[in-house]
């Protein structure tokens, strides 16, 4: 697969609202889940501000999950085939 084909596939998988690709949004979800776990642990230990930080992370995670689900619904079969060729096993 050429780099222009990859750019084409990922360009179609971009959320128009913020310009973040599906792959990057998915990676951010993983980071947010890790951040959320740490913030909850720190909040439980009484570290100031961590409960509010966890609430903000949870909201961003939930909003991003809705966007990912919408992106999946909009993806074409060609998008899926090209992304599988690049990122699949």
N, C-alpha and C. Protein backbone atom coordinates (compact mmCIF):
# COMPACT_ATOMS: atom_id res chain seq x y z
N UNK A 1 0.85 -1.18 0.00
CA UNK A 1 0.00 0.00 0.00
C UNK A 1 0.89 1.23 0.00
N UNK A 2 0.57 2.17 -0.84
CA UNK A 2 1.36 3.39 -0.95
C UNK A 2 0.96 4.38 0.14
N UNK A 3 1.85 5.35 0.38
CA UNK A 3 1.53 6.35 1.40
C UNK A 3 0.34 7.21 0.97
N UNK A 4 0.17 7.41 -0.34
CA UNK A 4 -0.99 8.21 -0.78
C UNK A 4 -2.29 7.45 -0.55
N UNK A 5 -2.26 6.12 -0.69
CA UNK A 5 -3.46 5.32 -0.40
C UNK A 5 -3.78 5.38 1.09
N UNK A 6 -2.74 5.31 1.92
CA UNK A 6 -2.95 5.41 3.37
C UNK A 6 -3.53 6.77 3.72
N UNK A 7 -2.97 7.83 3.16
CA UNK A 7 -3.50 9.17 3.44
C UNK A 7 -4.95 9.28 2.99
N UNK A 8 -5.26 8.68 1.87
CA UNK A 8 -6.63 8.72 1.36
C UNK A 8 -7.58 7.99 2.30
N UNK A 9 -7.17 6.81 2.77
CA UNK A 9 -8.02 6.02 3.67
C UNK A 9 -8.22 6.74 5.00
N UNK A 10 -7.14 7.29 5.55
CA UNK A 10 -7.28 7.96 6.83
C UNK A 10 -8.00 9.29 6.69
N UNK A 11 -7.85 9.95 5.55
CA UNK A 11 -8.56 11.22 5.35
C UNK A 11 -10.06 11.01 5.36
N UNK A 12 -10.53 9.90 4.79
CA UNK A 12 -11.96 9.63 4.79
C UNK A 12 -12.46 9.22 6.17
N UNK A 13 -11.54 8.77 7.02
CA UNK A 13 -11.93 8.34 8.36
C UNK A 13 -11.70 9.45 9.37
N UNK A 14 -11.81 10.70 8.94
CA UNK A 14 -11.60 11.85 9.83
C UNK A 14 -12.95 12.40 10.25
N UNK A 15 -13.06 12.66 11.53
CA UNK A 15 -14.28 13.29 12.04
C UNK A 15 -14.25 14.77 11.66
N UNK A 16 -15.27 15.25 11.00
CA UNK A 16 -15.25 16.62 10.51
C UNK A 16 -15.25 17.68 11.61
N UNK A 17 -15.77 17.36 12.76
CA UNK A 17 -15.89 18.37 13.82
C UNK A 17 -14.53 18.82 14.34
N UNK A 18 -13.59 17.91 14.50
CA UNK A 18 -12.32 18.28 15.10
C UNK A 18 -11.10 17.86 14.30
N UNK A 19 -11.29 17.17 13.19
CA UNK A 19 -10.17 16.79 12.35
C UNK A 19 -9.34 15.63 12.86
N UNK A 20 -9.77 14.95 13.92
CA UNK A 20 -9.01 13.83 14.47
C UNK A 20 -9.38 12.55 13.74
N UNK A 21 -8.37 11.78 13.32
CA UNK A 21 -8.64 10.54 12.62
C UNK A 21 -9.21 9.49 13.58
N UNK A 22 -9.87 8.52 13.00
CA UNK A 22 -10.44 7.43 13.80
C UNK A 22 -9.35 6.70 14.56
N UNK A 23 -8.22 6.48 13.93
CA UNK A 23 -7.11 5.78 14.58
C UNK A 23 -6.61 6.59 15.77
N UNK A 24 -6.42 7.89 15.59
CA UNK A 24 -5.95 8.73 16.69
C UNK A 24 -6.98 8.83 17.82
N UNK A 25 -8.26 8.92 17.45
CA UNK A 25 -9.30 8.98 18.48
C UNK A 25 -9.32 7.68 19.29
N UNK A 26 -9.15 6.56 18.62
CA UNK A 26 -9.11 5.27 19.31
C UNK A 26 -7.92 5.20 20.26
N UNK A 27 -6.78 5.68 19.81
CA UNK A 27 -5.59 5.69 20.67
C UNK A 27 -5.82 6.60 21.88
N UNK A 28 -6.49 7.71 21.66
CA UNK A 28 -6.76 8.62 22.78
C UNK A 28 -7.69 7.95 23.80
N UNK A 29 -8.62 7.12 23.33
CA UNK A 29 -9.51 6.41 24.25
C UNK A 29 -8.69 5.54 25.21
N UNK A 30 -7.69 4.87 24.68
CA UNK A 30 -6.84 4.03 25.55
C UNK A 30 -6.12 4.90 26.58
N UNK A 31 -5.56 6.02 26.13
CA UNK A 31 -4.88 6.91 27.05
C UNK A 31 -5.84 7.46 28.11
N UNK A 32 -7.05 7.82 27.68
CA UNK A 32 -8.03 8.36 28.62
C UNK A 32 -8.44 7.33 29.66
N UNK A 33 -8.56 6.08 29.26
CA UNK A 33 -8.94 5.04 30.23
C UNK A 33 -7.84 4.87 31.28
N UNK A 34 -6.59 4.98 30.86
CA UNK A 34 -5.47 4.89 31.81
C UNK A 34 -5.44 6.11 32.72
N UNK A 35 -5.65 7.29 32.13
CA UNK A 35 -5.66 8.52 32.92
C UNK A 35 -6.79 8.49 33.94
N UNK A 36 -7.94 8.03 33.50
CA UNK A 36 -9.11 7.96 34.38
C UNK A 36 -8.84 7.05 35.58
N UNK A 37 -8.23 5.90 35.32
CA UNK A 37 -7.91 4.97 36.41
C UNK A 37 -6.98 5.64 37.42
N UNK A 38 -5.96 6.33 36.95
CA UNK A 38 -5.03 7.02 37.84
C UNK A 38 -5.73 8.13 38.62
N UNK A 39 -6.55 8.91 37.94
CA UNK A 39 -7.24 10.01 38.61
C UNK A 39 -8.19 9.51 39.70
N UNK A 40 -8.86 8.40 39.42
CA UNK A 40 -9.77 7.83 40.43
C UNK A 40 -8.98 7.34 41.63
N UNK A 41 -7.85 6.68 41.38
CA UNK A 41 -7.00 6.22 42.47
C UNK A 41 -6.52 7.39 43.32
N UNK A 42 -6.06 8.45 42.66
CA UNK A 42 -5.57 9.62 43.39
C UNK A 42 -6.70 10.31 44.14
N UNK A 43 -7.88 10.37 43.55
CA UNK A 43 -9.03 10.98 44.23
C UNK A 43 -9.38 10.17 45.47
N UNK A 44 -9.33 8.85 45.36
CA UNK A 44 -9.64 7.99 46.50
C UNK A 44 -8.64 8.21 47.63
N UNK A 45 -7.41 8.56 47.27
CA UNK A 45 -6.37 8.83 48.27
C UNK A 45 -6.41 10.26 48.78
N UNK A 46 -7.39 11.02 48.31
CA UNK A 46 -7.59 12.37 48.83
C UNK A 46 -6.78 13.46 48.17
N UNK A 47 -6.21 13.21 47.01
CA UNK A 47 -5.45 14.24 46.32
C UNK A 47 -6.42 15.28 45.76
N UNK A 48 -6.24 16.54 46.14
CA UNK A 48 -7.16 17.59 45.71
C UNK A 48 -7.24 17.72 44.19
N UNK A 49 -8.45 17.94 43.71
CA UNK A 49 -8.67 18.20 42.30
C UNK A 49 -8.78 16.97 41.41
N UNK A 50 -8.46 15.79 41.94
CA UNK A 50 -8.44 14.60 41.10
C UNK A 50 -9.84 14.08 40.78
N UNK A 51 -10.78 14.27 41.68
CA UNK A 51 -12.15 13.83 41.38
C UNK A 51 -12.71 14.65 40.22
N UNK A 52 -12.49 15.95 40.24
CA UNK A 52 -12.95 16.80 39.14
C UNK A 52 -12.23 16.45 37.84
N UNK A 53 -10.94 16.18 37.93
CA UNK A 53 -10.18 15.78 36.75
C UNK A 53 -10.71 14.47 36.18
N UNK A 54 -11.05 13.52 37.06
CA UNK A 54 -11.61 12.24 36.62
C UNK A 54 -12.96 12.44 35.95
N UNK A 55 -13.77 13.32 36.48
CA UNK A 55 -15.07 13.60 35.87
C UNK A 55 -14.90 14.19 34.47
N UNK A 56 -13.92 15.08 34.31
CA UNK A 56 -13.66 15.68 33.00
C UNK A 56 -13.14 14.62 32.02
N UNK A 57 -12.26 13.75 32.49
CA UNK A 57 -11.74 12.68 31.63
C UNK A 57 -12.85 11.72 31.22
N UNK A 58 -13.72 11.41 32.14
CA UNK A 58 -14.84 10.51 31.84
C UNK A 58 -15.76 11.14 30.81
N UNK A 59 -16.02 12.43 30.92
CA UNK A 59 -16.89 13.10 29.95
C UNK A 59 -16.25 13.09 28.56
N UNK A 60 -14.93 13.38 28.49
CA UNK A 60 -14.24 13.36 27.21
C UNK A 60 -14.26 11.96 26.61
N UNK A 61 -14.05 10.94 27.46
CA UNK A 61 -14.09 9.55 26.99
C UNK A 61 -15.47 9.23 26.41
N UNK A 62 -16.52 9.59 27.13
CA UNK A 62 -17.88 9.29 26.69
C UNK A 62 -18.20 10.02 25.38
N UNK A 63 -17.83 11.29 25.29
CA UNK A 63 -18.08 12.06 24.06
C UNK A 63 -17.32 11.45 22.88
N UNK A 64 -16.08 11.05 23.13
CA UNK A 64 -15.26 10.46 22.07
C UNK A 64 -15.82 9.12 21.63
N UNK A 65 -16.38 8.36 22.55
CA UNK A 65 -16.95 7.07 22.20
C UNK A 65 -18.15 7.25 21.27
N UNK A 66 -18.95 8.25 21.53
CA UNK A 66 -20.08 8.56 20.64
C UNK A 66 -19.55 8.92 19.25
N UNK A 67 -18.50 9.72 19.18
CA UNK A 67 -17.93 10.10 17.89
C UNK A 67 -17.39 8.88 17.15
N UNK A 68 -16.70 7.99 17.88
CA UNK A 68 -16.18 6.78 17.24
C UNK A 68 -17.31 5.93 16.66
N UNK A 69 -18.36 5.78 17.41
CA UNK A 69 -19.49 4.99 16.92
C UNK A 69 -20.09 5.62 15.67
N UNK A 70 -20.16 6.93 15.64
CA UNK A 70 -20.66 7.63 14.47
C UNK A 70 -19.73 7.44 13.28
N UNK A 71 -18.42 7.50 13.52
CA UNK A 71 -17.44 7.30 12.45
C UNK A 71 -17.55 5.90 11.87
N UNK A 72 -17.79 4.92 12.69
CA UNK A 72 -17.94 3.54 12.21
C UNK A 72 -19.17 3.44 11.31
N UNK A 73 -20.24 4.08 11.70
CA UNK A 73 -21.46 4.04 10.88
C UNK A 73 -21.25 4.71 9.52
N UNK A 74 -20.40 5.74 9.47
CA UNK A 74 -20.16 6.46 8.22
C UNK A 74 -19.10 5.81 7.34
N UNK A 75 -18.29 4.91 7.88
CA UNK A 75 -17.19 4.31 7.12
C UNK A 75 -17.73 3.46 5.96
N UNK A 76 -17.01 3.52 4.86
CA UNK A 76 -17.38 2.71 3.71
C UNK A 76 -16.62 1.39 3.75
N UNK A 77 -17.03 0.46 2.94
CA UNK A 77 -16.33 -0.82 2.84
C UNK A 77 -14.90 -0.60 2.36
N UNK A 78 -14.72 0.35 1.45
CA UNK A 78 -13.37 0.65 0.96
C UNK A 78 -12.49 1.19 2.09
N UNK A 79 -13.04 2.07 2.93
CA UNK A 79 -12.28 2.57 4.09
C UNK A 79 -11.82 1.42 4.96
N UNK A 80 -12.72 0.50 5.25
CA UNK A 80 -12.39 -0.63 6.12
C UNK A 80 -11.31 -1.50 5.50
N UNK A 81 -11.41 -1.76 4.22
CA UNK A 81 -10.42 -2.59 3.53
C UNK A 81 -9.04 -1.94 3.56
N UNK A 82 -8.99 -0.64 3.30
CA UNK A 82 -7.70 0.06 3.29
C UNK A 82 -7.09 0.14 4.68
N UNK A 83 -7.91 0.43 5.68
CA UNK A 83 -7.39 0.49 7.05
C UNK A 83 -6.94 -0.89 7.52
N UNK A 84 -7.66 -1.93 7.15
CA UNK A 84 -7.26 -3.30 7.50
C UNK A 84 -5.91 -3.64 6.87
N UNK A 85 -5.70 -3.20 5.63
CA UNK A 85 -4.45 -3.48 4.94
C UNK A 85 -3.27 -2.82 5.65
N UNK A 86 -3.49 -1.66 6.23
CA UNK A 86 -2.41 -0.94 6.90
C UNK A 86 -2.23 -1.41 8.34
N UNK A 87 -3.32 -1.52 9.08
CA UNK A 87 -3.24 -1.76 10.52
C UNK A 87 -3.58 -3.19 10.92
N UNK A 88 -4.10 -3.98 10.00
CA UNK A 88 -4.51 -5.35 10.33
C UNK A 88 -3.32 -6.26 10.57
N UNK A 89 -3.62 -7.45 11.00
CA UNK A 89 -2.54 -8.40 11.30
C UNK A 89 -2.10 -9.19 10.13
